[in-house]
């Protein structure tokens, strides 16, 4: 049986990780659009920059959002924690 090279395996993992990240962003964006309607482009950009773990946190939190203000406050709290 042929063994795959470590470099090839790393590339496969990188591609898989990028795919997971892309799908997480897509899902959260659809959920935000459904829950809040159109949101400001700068907010969308902030969401796109989140890690997969943070996107998962946001997906859960947005169930309680009533307006874009809730999203802004959530993102602001996230920034405060990172300092």
C-alpha atoms as a PDB file:
ATOM      1  CA  UNK A   1       0.000   0.000   0.000  1.00  0.00           C
ATOM      2  CA  UNK A   2       1.306   3.423  -0.944  1.00  0.00           C
ATOM      3  CA  UNK A   3       1.910   5.891   1.889  1.00  0.00           C
ATOM      4  CA  UNK A   4       1.089   9.576   1.397  1.00  0.00           C
ATOM      5  CA  UNK A   5       3.843  12.104   1.972  1.00  0.00           C
ATOM      6  CA  UNK A   6       3.604  14.413   5.009  1.00  0.00           C
ATOM      7  CA  UNK A   7       3.527  17.466   2.709  1.00  0.00           C
ATOM      8  CA  UNK A   8       0.603  16.027   0.758  1.00  0.00           C
ATOM      9  CA  UNK A   9      -1.251  15.206   3.975  1.00  0.00           C
ATOM     10  CA  UNK A  10      -0.616  18.748   5.228  1.00  0.00           C
ATOM     11  CA  UNK A  11      -2.044  20.198   2.018  1.00  0.00           C
ATOM     12  CA  UNK A  12      -5.122  18.012   2.321  1.00  0.00           C
ATOM     13  CA  UNK A  13      -5.615  19.171   5.916  1.00  0.00           C
ATOM     14  CA  UNK A  14      -5.151  22.834   4.944  1.00  0.00           C
ATOM     15  CA  UNK A  15      -7.719  22.501   2.164  1.00  0.00           C
ATOM     16  CA  UNK A  16     -10.133  20.771   4.524  1.00  0.00           C
ATOM     17  CA  UNK A  17      -9.691  23.496   7.157  1.00  0.00           C
ATOM     18  CA  UNK A  18     -10.311  26.237   4.567  1.00  0.00           C
ATOM     19  CA  UNK A  19     -13.451  24.444   3.402  1.00  0.00           C
ATOM     20  CA  UNK A  20     -14.753  24.154   6.953  1.00  0.00           C
ATOM     21  CA  UNK A  21     -14.045  27.843   7.572  1.00  0.00           C
ATOM     22  CA  UNK A  22     -15.726  28.884   4.318  1.00  0.00           C
ATOM     23  CA  UNK A  23     -18.844  26.856   5.121  1.00  0.00           C
ATOM     24  CA  UNK A  24     -18.998  28.187   8.693  1.00  0.00           C
ATOM     25  CA  UNK A  25     -18.844  31.777   7.441  1.00  0.00           C
ATOM     26  CA  UNK A  26     -21.491  31.058   4.821  1.00  0.00           C
ATOM     27  CA  UNK A  27     -23.856  29.479   7.339  1.00  0.00           C
ATOM     28  CA  UNK A  28     -23.482  32.250   9.918  1.00  0.00           C
ATOM     29  CA  UNK A  29     -23.999  34.910   7.242  1.00  0.00           C
ATOM     30  CA  UNK A  30     -27.204  33.220   6.101  1.00  0.00           C
ATOM     31  CA  UNK A  31     -28.413  32.963   9.690  1.00  0.00           C
ATOM     32  CA  UNK A  32     -27.629  36.634  10.334  1.00  0.00           C
ATOM     33  CA  UNK A  33     -29.438  37.683   7.159  1.00  0.00           C
ATOM     34  CA  UNK A  34     -32.450  35.615   8.145  1.00  0.00           C
ATOM     35  CA  UNK A  35     -32.490  36.869  11.721  1.00  0.00           C
ATOM     36  CA  UNK A  36     -31.537  40.532  11.226  1.00  0.00           C
ATOM     37  CA  UNK A  37     -32.051  41.310   7.563  1.00  0.00           C
ATOM     38  CA  UNK A  38     -29.369  43.283   5.791  1.00  0.00           C
ATOM     39  CA  UNK A  39     -26.382  44.146   7.967  1.00  0.00           C
ATOM     40  CA  UNK A  40     -23.673  46.734   7.358  1.00  0.00           C
ATOM     41  CA  UNK A  41     -20.750  45.643   5.163  1.00  0.00           C
ATOM     42  CA  UNK A  42     -18.240  46.406   7.928  1.00  0.00           C
ATOM     43  CA  UNK A  43     -20.087  44.007  10.243  1.00  0.00           C
ATOM     44  CA  UNK A  44     -20.030  41.326   7.565  1.00  0.00           C
ATOM     45  CA  UNK A  45     -16.284  41.816   7.243  1.00  0.00           C
ATOM     46  CA  UNK A  46     -15.834  41.462  11.008  1.00  0.00           C
ATOM     47  CA  UNK A  47     -17.773  38.192  10.914  1.00  0.00           C
ATOM     48  CA  UNK A  48     -15.702  36.883   7.981  1.00  0.00           C
ATOM     49  CA  UNK A  49     -12.530  37.440  10.031  1.00  0.00           C
ATOM     50  CA  UNK A  50     -13.690  35.283  12.955  1.00  0.00           C
ATOM     51  CA  UNK A  51     -12.196  31.879  13.672  1.00  0.00           C
ATOM     52  CA  UNK A  52     -14.373  28.803  13.282  1.00  0.00           C
ATOM     53  CA  UNK A  53     -14.697  28.578  17.087  1.00  0.00           C
ATOM     54  CA  UNK A  54     -15.914  32.188  17.270  1.00  0.00           C
ATOM     55  CA  UNK A  55     -18.287  31.610  14.350  1.00  0.00           C
ATOM     56  CA  UNK A  56     -19.808  28.715  16.262  1.00  0.00           C
ATOM     57  CA  UNK A  57     -20.209  30.962  19.315  1.00  0.00           C
ATOM     58  CA  UNK A  58     -21.846  33.617  17.156  1.00  0.00           C
ATOM     59  CA  UNK A  59     -24.215  31.092  15.571  1.00  0.00           C
ATOM     60  CA  UNK A  60     -25.468  30.213  19.026  1.00  0.00           C
ATOM     61  CA  UNK A  61     -25.618  33.801  20.296  1.00  0.00           C
ATOM     62  CA  UNK A  62     -27.494  35.131  17.285  1.00  0.00           C
ATOM     63  CA  UNK A  63     -30.519  33.081  18.243  1.00  0.00           C
ATOM     64  CA  UNK A  64     -31.148  35.768  20.888  1.00  0.00           C
ATOM     65  CA  UNK A  65     -30.387  38.767  18.645  1.00  0.00           C
ATOM     66  CA  UNK A  66     -33.204  41.196  17.905  1.00  0.00           C
ATOM     67  CA  UNK A  67     -31.292  43.783  15.859  1.00  0.00           C
ATOM     68  CA  UNK A  68     -27.913  44.613  14.376  1.00  0.00           C
ATOM     69  CA  UNK A  69     -27.165  46.411  17.636  1.00  0.00           C
ATOM     70  CA  UNK A  70     -27.027  43.018  19.359  1.00  0.00           C
ATOM     71  CA  UNK A  71     -24.474  41.843  16.796  1.00  0.00           C
ATOM     72  CA  UNK A  72     -22.408  44.998  17.276  1.00  0.00           C
ATOM     73  CA  UNK A  73     -22.419  44.540  21.057  1.00  0.00           C
ATOM     74  CA  UNK A  74     -21.448  40.878  20.708  1.00  0.00           C
ATOM     75  CA  UNK A  75     -18.545  41.765  18.397  1.00  0.00           C
ATOM     76  CA  UNK A  76     -17.452  44.595  20.739  1.00  0.00           C
ATOM     77  CA  UNK A  77     -17.413  42.225  23.729  1.00  0.00           C
ATOM     78  CA  UNK A  78     -15.353  39.775  21.694  1.00  0.00           C
ATOM     79  CA  UNK A  79     -12.803  42.492  20.919  1.00  0.00           C
ATOM     80  CA  UNK A  80     -12.648  43.511  24.589  1.00  0.00           C
ATOM     81  CA  UNK A  81     -11.870  39.921  25.581  1.00  0.00           C
ATOM     82  CA  UNK A  82      -9.021  39.700  23.091  1.00  0.00           C
ATOM     83  CA  UNK A  83      -7.083  42.533  24.714  1.00  0.00           C
END
